Amino acid sequence: MSDIAINAAPLPRPSRPGPARVLGFALLGLLAVAAVFGPSLIGQDPAKQSLLSTLEGPSARHLLGTDHLGRDMAARLLSGAQLSLALALLSVVTAGVPGTLLGVAAAWLGGWPDRLLGALADAVLALPGLLLVLMLAAISPGSWWALYAGISLTLWVEYFRYTRQRARIVLAEPAVQASRLLGLGPWFILRRHLAPEIGPGLLTIAAFGAATAVTAVAALGFVSVGIRPPTAEWGVMMTQLLPYWREAPFLILQPVACLVITVLALHLSVGGLRRP
């Protein structure tokens, strides 16, 4: 019997993240540390005032200077990171979980449940997200839960529409039909077929959704609709420091830089992936 040589093709190696994504992950790691530990990293109280040391530049005592009330800027920026990132994470989770589950349910069941959920998503899209947040903020001025609820009610639709569209395609594939004929249950189909297909897209949507949430919180705080003083929040800090931009322009640039770095880190972390 002659020997038969079998040349097996090498398995594809997992692609390594590019430099942009590595930078994004590094920035996200630094932001996560800042959000977890907050002002305790530098041992300063973000609410402590000292009218004798207002609008000071960086020093050994105040690493990033002080604001118009003598409060430590570094401590207030770290406190703002805690608030903004916590709201963004909470909004993404509470919007992504129900949006994904409803999208899978609509594609799986079809018929009138699909039409009903689709009509609900279209109704939410017909109402501008900013208007919804403003309505909730008017009910409870200066409350963080109004911002959180408004952002979550706006973000879930994107998860739903993507998941429903993608799940429809996957559930119609021959591999899924074969799994059903073999008597494999819904949990196997979800784990083996649906999760690998919709997972990367959901992570991309989550990164863009978190960036949208951080920007929305800062924008609403800047126009005095969201979080109110004396809470340390980046948008509120911009509004308070704006009258002093001639005397101390480096102060107002600090919350702006924090916002830009956060949004940039979230976008870079999904660099190379196209938004679904």
Protein backbone atom coordinates (compact mmCIF):
# COMPACT_ATOMS: atom_id res chain seq x y z
CA MET A 1 0.00 0.00 0.00
CA SER A 2 1.45 3.31 -1.01
CA ASP A 3 1.76 6.01 1.52
CA ILE A 4 -0.55 8.93 1.02
CA ALA A 5 0.86 12.31 2.07
CA ILE A 6 -1.71 14.65 3.48
CA ASN A 7 -0.69 18.30 3.47
CA ALA A 8 -2.85 19.97 6.05
CA ALA A 9 -3.35 23.67 5.60
CA PRO A 10 -2.03 25.68 8.54
CA LEU A 11 -4.66 27.05 10.86
CA PRO A 12 -5.16 30.81 10.56
CA ARG A 13 -3.51 32.73 13.30
CA PRO A 14 -5.64 35.15 15.27
CA SER A 15 -5.05 38.69 14.11
CA ARG A 16 -3.17 40.88 16.49
CA PRO A 17 -4.58 44.28 17.38
CA GLY A 18 -2.89 47.12 15.56
CA PRO A 19 -1.06 50.02 17.20
CA ALA A 20 -4.20 52.15 17.24
CA ARG A 21 -6.16 49.52 19.16
CA VAL A 22 -3.28 48.93 21.56
CA LEU A 23 -3.21 52.66 22.27
CA GLY A 24 -6.97 52.63 22.73
CA PHE A 25 -6.81 49.75 25.21
CA ALA A 26 -3.98 51.47 27.11
CA LEU A 27 -5.97 54.70 27.40
CA LEU A 28 -9.05 52.76 28.49
CA GLY A 29 -6.97 51.03 31.15
CA LEU A 30 -5.77 54.37 32.52
CA LEU A 31 -9.31 55.73 32.49
CA ALA A 32 -10.57 52.64 34.28
CA VAL A 33 -7.97 53.10 37.02
CA ALA A 34 -8.93 56.76 37.33
CA ALA A 35 -12.63 55.86 37.54
CA VAL A 36 -12.13 53.09 40.10
CA PHE A 37 -9.88 54.95 42.51
CA GLY A 38 -10.91 58.54 41.75
CA PRO A 39 -9.56 61.40 43.89
CA SER A 40 -8.06 58.92 46.35
CA LEU A 41 -5.20 58.49 43.85
CA ILE A 42 -3.85 61.91 44.80
CA GLY A 43 -5.35 62.27 48.27
CA GLN A 44 -7.27 65.48 47.51
CA ASP A 45 -10.89 66.42 48.22
CA PRO A 46 -12.62 67.61 45.01
CA ALA A 47 -15.09 69.73 47.00
CA LYS A 48 -12.59 71.48 49.31
CA GLN A 49 -12.40 75.23 48.58
CA SER A 50 -9.60 77.69 49.25
CA LEU A 51 -10.36 81.23 48.11
CA LEU A 52 -6.79 82.26 48.87
CA SER A 53 -5.46 80.00 46.09
CA THR A 54 -7.75 80.45 43.11
CA LEU A 55 -6.78 79.92 39.46
CA GLU A 56 -3.34 78.67 40.41
CA GLY A 57 -1.08 76.88 37.99
CA PRO A 58 0.28 73.35 38.44
CA SER A 59 2.38 72.87 41.55
CA ALA A 60 3.58 70.11 43.86
CA ARG A 61 0.48 70.56 46.02
CA HIS A 62 -2.01 70.90 43.14
CA LEU A 63 -0.77 68.84 40.20
CA LEU A 64 -3.10 70.47 37.65
CA GLY A 65 -3.75 73.75 39.45
CA THR A 66 -6.93 75.03 41.08
CA ASP A 67 -10.21 76.40 39.74
CA HIS A 68 -11.96 79.70 40.46
CA LEU A 69 -12.93 78.50 43.94
CA GLY A 70 -9.53 77.08 44.83
CA ARG A 71 -10.58 73.46 44.34
CA ASP A 72 -7.99 70.96 43.16
CA MET A 73 -8.44 70.40 39.42
CA ALA A 74 -6.87 66.94 39.35
CA ALA A 75 -9.24 65.71 42.05
CA ARG A 76 -12.25 67.17 40.27
CA LEU A 77 -11.22 65.65 36.94
CA LEU A 78 -10.85 62.24 38.56
CA SER A 79 -14.23 62.62 40.24
CA GLY A 80 -15.72 63.61 36.88
CA ALA A 81 -14.20 60.50 35.31
CA GLN A 82 -15.94 58.37 37.93
CA LEU A 83 -19.32 59.95 37.18
CA SER A 84 -19.07 60.02 33.37
CA LEU A 85 -17.66 56.53 32.92
CA ALA A 86 -20.04 55.00 35.46
CA LEU A 87 -23.05 56.52 33.69
CA ALA A 88 -21.70 55.40 30.31
CA LEU A 89 -21.10 51.83 31.48
CA LEU A 90 -24.49 51.61 33.19
CA SER A 91 -26.26 53.01 30.13
CA VAL A 92 -24.50 50.63 27.73
CA VAL A 93 -25.21 47.54 29.84
CA THR A 94 -28.86 48.33 30.51
CA ALA A 95 -29.42 49.24 26.86
CA GLY A 96 -27.38 46.40 25.35
CA VAL A 97 -28.83 43.48 27.31
CA PRO A 98 -32.54 44.10 26.61
CA GLY A 99 -31.84 45.37 23.09
CA THR A 100 -29.90 42.21 22.22
CA LEU A 101 -32.43 39.85 23.80
CA LEU A 102 -35.36 41.55 22.09
CA GLY A 103 -33.53 41.47 18.75
CA VAL A 104 -32.87 37.74 19.05
CA ALA A 105 -36.45 37.10 20.16
CA ALA A 106 -37.86 39.06 17.22
CA ALA A 107 -35.72 37.15 14.70
CA TRP A 108 -36.40 33.79 16.36
CA LEU A 109 -40.17 34.12 16.73
CA GLY A 110 -41.00 36.17 13.65
CA GLY A 111 -44.62 36.95 12.89
CA TRP A 112 -46.50 39.42 15.05
CA PRO A 113 -43.85 39.59 17.83
CA ASP A 114 -41.32 40.69 15.22
CA ARG A 115 -43.68 43.31 13.80
CA LEU A 116 -44.64 44.58 17.25
CA LEU A 117 -41.04 44.97 18.45
CA GLY A 118 -40.05 46.54 15.14
CA ALA A 119 -42.86 49.09 15.45
CA LEU A 120 -41.76 49.89 19.02
CA ALA A 121 -38.18 50.49 17.87
CA ASP A 122 -39.38 52.72 15.02
CA ALA A 123 -41.50 54.72 17.46
CA VAL A 124 -38.49 55.32 19.71
CA LEU A 125 -36.39 56.36 16.70
CA ALA A 126 -39.07 58.84 15.66
CA LEU A 127 -38.51 60.72 18.93
CA PRO A 128 -35.10 62.47 18.95
CA GLY A 129 -32.87 61.08 21.68
CA LEU A 130 -31.85 64.52 22.91
CA LEU A 131 -35.50 65.53 23.27
CA LEU A 132 -36.18 62.41 25.33
CA VAL A 133 -33.27 63.18 27.65
CA LEU A 134 -34.42 66.80 28.01
CA MET A 135 -37.94 65.66 28.90
CA LEU A 136 -36.64 63.39 31.65
CA ALA A 137 -34.23 66.07 32.86
CA ALA A 138 -37.15 68.50 33.14
CA ILE A 139 -38.98 66.00 35.35
CA SER A 140 -36.00 65.67 37.69
CA PRO A 141 -33.59 68.61 37.21
CA GLY A 142 -29.98 67.93 38.12
CA SER A 143 -30.56 64.21 38.70
CA TRP A 144 -28.18 61.62 37.29
CA TRP A 145 -30.92 59.02 36.85
CA ALA A 146 -32.72 61.20 34.29
CA LEU A 147 -29.61 61.27 32.11
CA TYR A 148 -29.08 57.54 32.56
CA ALA A 149 -32.69 56.66 31.72
CA GLY A 150 -32.80 58.94 28.67
CA ILE A 151 -29.54 57.64 27.23
CA SER A 152 -30.49 53.98 27.85
CA LEU A 153 -33.91 54.37 26.25
CA THR A 154 -32.22 55.82 23.18
CA LEU A 155 -29.33 53.37 22.84
CA TRP A 156 -31.25 50.07 23.05
CA VAL A 157 -32.74 50.51 19.57
CA GLU A 158 -29.35 50.23 17.87
CA TYR A 159 -28.63 46.91 19.59
CA PHE A 160 -32.10 45.66 18.71
CA ARG A 161 -31.96 46.54 15.01
CA TYR A 162 -28.48 45.10 14.50
CA THR A 163 -29.20 41.89 16.43
CA ARG A 164 -32.52 41.26 14.67
CA GLN A 165 -31.03 41.79 11.23
CA ARG A 166 -27.97 39.64 11.88
CA ALA A 167 -29.89 36.90 13.71
CA ARG A 168 -32.32 36.55 10.81
CA ILE A 169 -29.42 35.76 8.47
CA VAL A 170 -27.76 33.32 10.86
CA LEU A 171 -30.97 31.45 11.71
CA ALA A 172 -31.65 30.87 8.01
CA GLU A 173 -28.25 29.24 7.40
CA PRO A 174 -28.09 25.48 6.67
CA ALA A 175 -25.90 24.86 9.74
CA VAL A 176 -28.66 26.13 12.04
CA GLN A 177 -31.28 24.10 10.21
CA ALA A 178 -29.11 21.01 10.59
CA SER A 179 -28.73 21.65 14.32
CA ARG A 180 -32.50 21.84 14.66
CA LEU A 181 -32.98 18.60 12.73
CA LEU A 182 -30.50 16.90 15.05
CA GLY A 183 -32.65 17.92 17.99
CA LEU A 184 -30.17 20.40 19.46
CA GLY A 185 -31.86 22.93 21.70
CA PRO A 186 -32.08 26.72 21.50
CA TRP A 187 -29.24 27.18 23.98
CA PHE A 188 -26.83 25.28 21.70
CA ILE A 189 -27.90 27.35 18.70
CA LEU A 190 -27.45 30.58 20.63
CA ARG A 191 -24.04 29.57 21.94
CA ARG A 192 -22.67 27.85 18.84
CA HIS A 193 -24.15 29.88 15.98
CA LEU A 194 -25.56 33.23 17.10
CA ALA A 195 -23.05 34.40 19.73
CA PRO A 196 -19.93 34.14 17.51
CA GLU A 197 -21.68 36.01 14.70
CA ILE A 198 -23.24 38.91 16.60
CA GLY A 199 -20.68 39.24 19.41
CA PRO A 200 -18.02 41.38 17.62
CA GLY A 201 -20.65 43.72 16.23
CA LEU A 202 -22.19 44.19 19.66
CA LEU A 203 -18.80 45.13 21.11
CA THR A 204 -18.37 47.74 18.40
CA ILE A 205 -21.82 49.18 19.07
CA ALA A 206 -21.07 49.20 22.81
CA ALA A 207 -17.87 51.22 22.30
CA PHE A 208 -19.64 53.80 20.14
CA GLY A 209 -22.58 53.86 22.55
CA ALA A 210 -20.30 54.54 25.52
CA ALA A 211 -18.65 57.39 23.61
CA THR A 212 -22.09 58.81 22.80
CA ALA A 213 -23.14 58.57 26.45
CA VAL A 214 -20.00 60.34 27.73
CA THR A 215 -20.42 63.11 25.15
CA ALA A 216 -24.13 63.51 25.93
CA VAL A 217 -23.52 63.81 29.68
CA ALA A 218 -20.84 66.47 29.12
CA ALA A 219 -22.91 68.38 26.54
CA LEU A 220 -25.99 68.50 28.78
CA GLY A 221 -23.87 69.55 31.74
CA PHE A 222 -22.32 72.32 29.65
CA VAL A 223 -25.75 73.81 28.87
CA SER A 224 -26.83 73.42 32.54
CA VAL A 225 -29.45 70.79 31.78
CA GLY A 226 -27.80 67.69 33.19
CA ILE A 227 -25.73 67.44 36.35
CA ARG A 228 -25.66 70.66 38.35
CA PRO A 229 -22.88 72.29 40.41
CA PRO A 230 -21.13 71.67 42.75
CA THR A 231 -20.92 68.11 41.35
CA ALA A 232 -17.61 67.52 39.60
CA GLU A 233 -18.58 66.70 36.01
CA TRP A 234 -16.60 67.58 32.90
CA GLY A 235 -19.35 69.53 31.14
CA VAL A 236 -20.20 71.45 34.32
CA MET A 237 -16.51 72.24 34.83
CA MET A 238 -16.31 73.68 31.30
CA THR A 239 -19.23 75.99 32.01
CA GLN A 240 -17.79 77.17 35.33
CA LEU A 241 -14.31 77.78 33.94
CA LEU A 242 -15.41 79.44 30.68
CA PRO A 243 -15.52 83.01 32.16
CA TYR A 244 -11.87 82.63 33.21
CA TRP A 245 -10.45 81.42 29.93
CA ARG A 246 -8.40 84.59 29.44
CA GLU A 247 -6.83 84.45 32.89
CA ALA A 248 -6.21 80.70 32.99
CA PRO A 249 -6.84 79.05 29.59
CA PHE A 250 -5.05 75.89 30.70
CA LEU A 251 -7.84 75.17 33.20
CA ILE A 252 -10.73 74.95 30.75
CA LEU A 253 -8.60 72.85 28.42
CA GLN A 254 -8.30 70.11 31.05
CA PRO A 255 -11.93 68.85 31.07
CA VAL A 256 -12.00 69.26 27.29
CA ALA A 257 -8.89 67.08 27.01
CA CYS A 258 -10.40 64.45 29.32
CA LEU A 259 -13.51 64.26 27.15
CA VAL A 260 -11.49 64.04 23.93
CA ILE A 261 -9.17 61.35 25.32
CA THR A 262 -12.12 59.26 26.54
CA VAL A 263 -13.96 59.37 23.22
CA LEU A 264 -10.72 58.76 21.32
CA ALA A 265 -9.87 55.75 23.49
CA LEU A 266 -13.29 54.19 22.91
CA HIS A 267 -13.05 54.70 19.16
CA LEU A 268 -9.48 53.44 18.92
CA SER A 269 -10.35 50.32 20.90
CA VAL A 270 -12.53 49.18 18.00
CA GLY A 271 -10.18 50.55 15.37
CA GLY A 272 -10.16 48.53 12.18
CA LEU A 273 -13.70 47.31 12.80
CA ARG A 274 -16.50 48.82 10.78
CA ARG A 275 -19.49 49.98 12.71
CA PRO A 276 -22.47 47.67 12.03
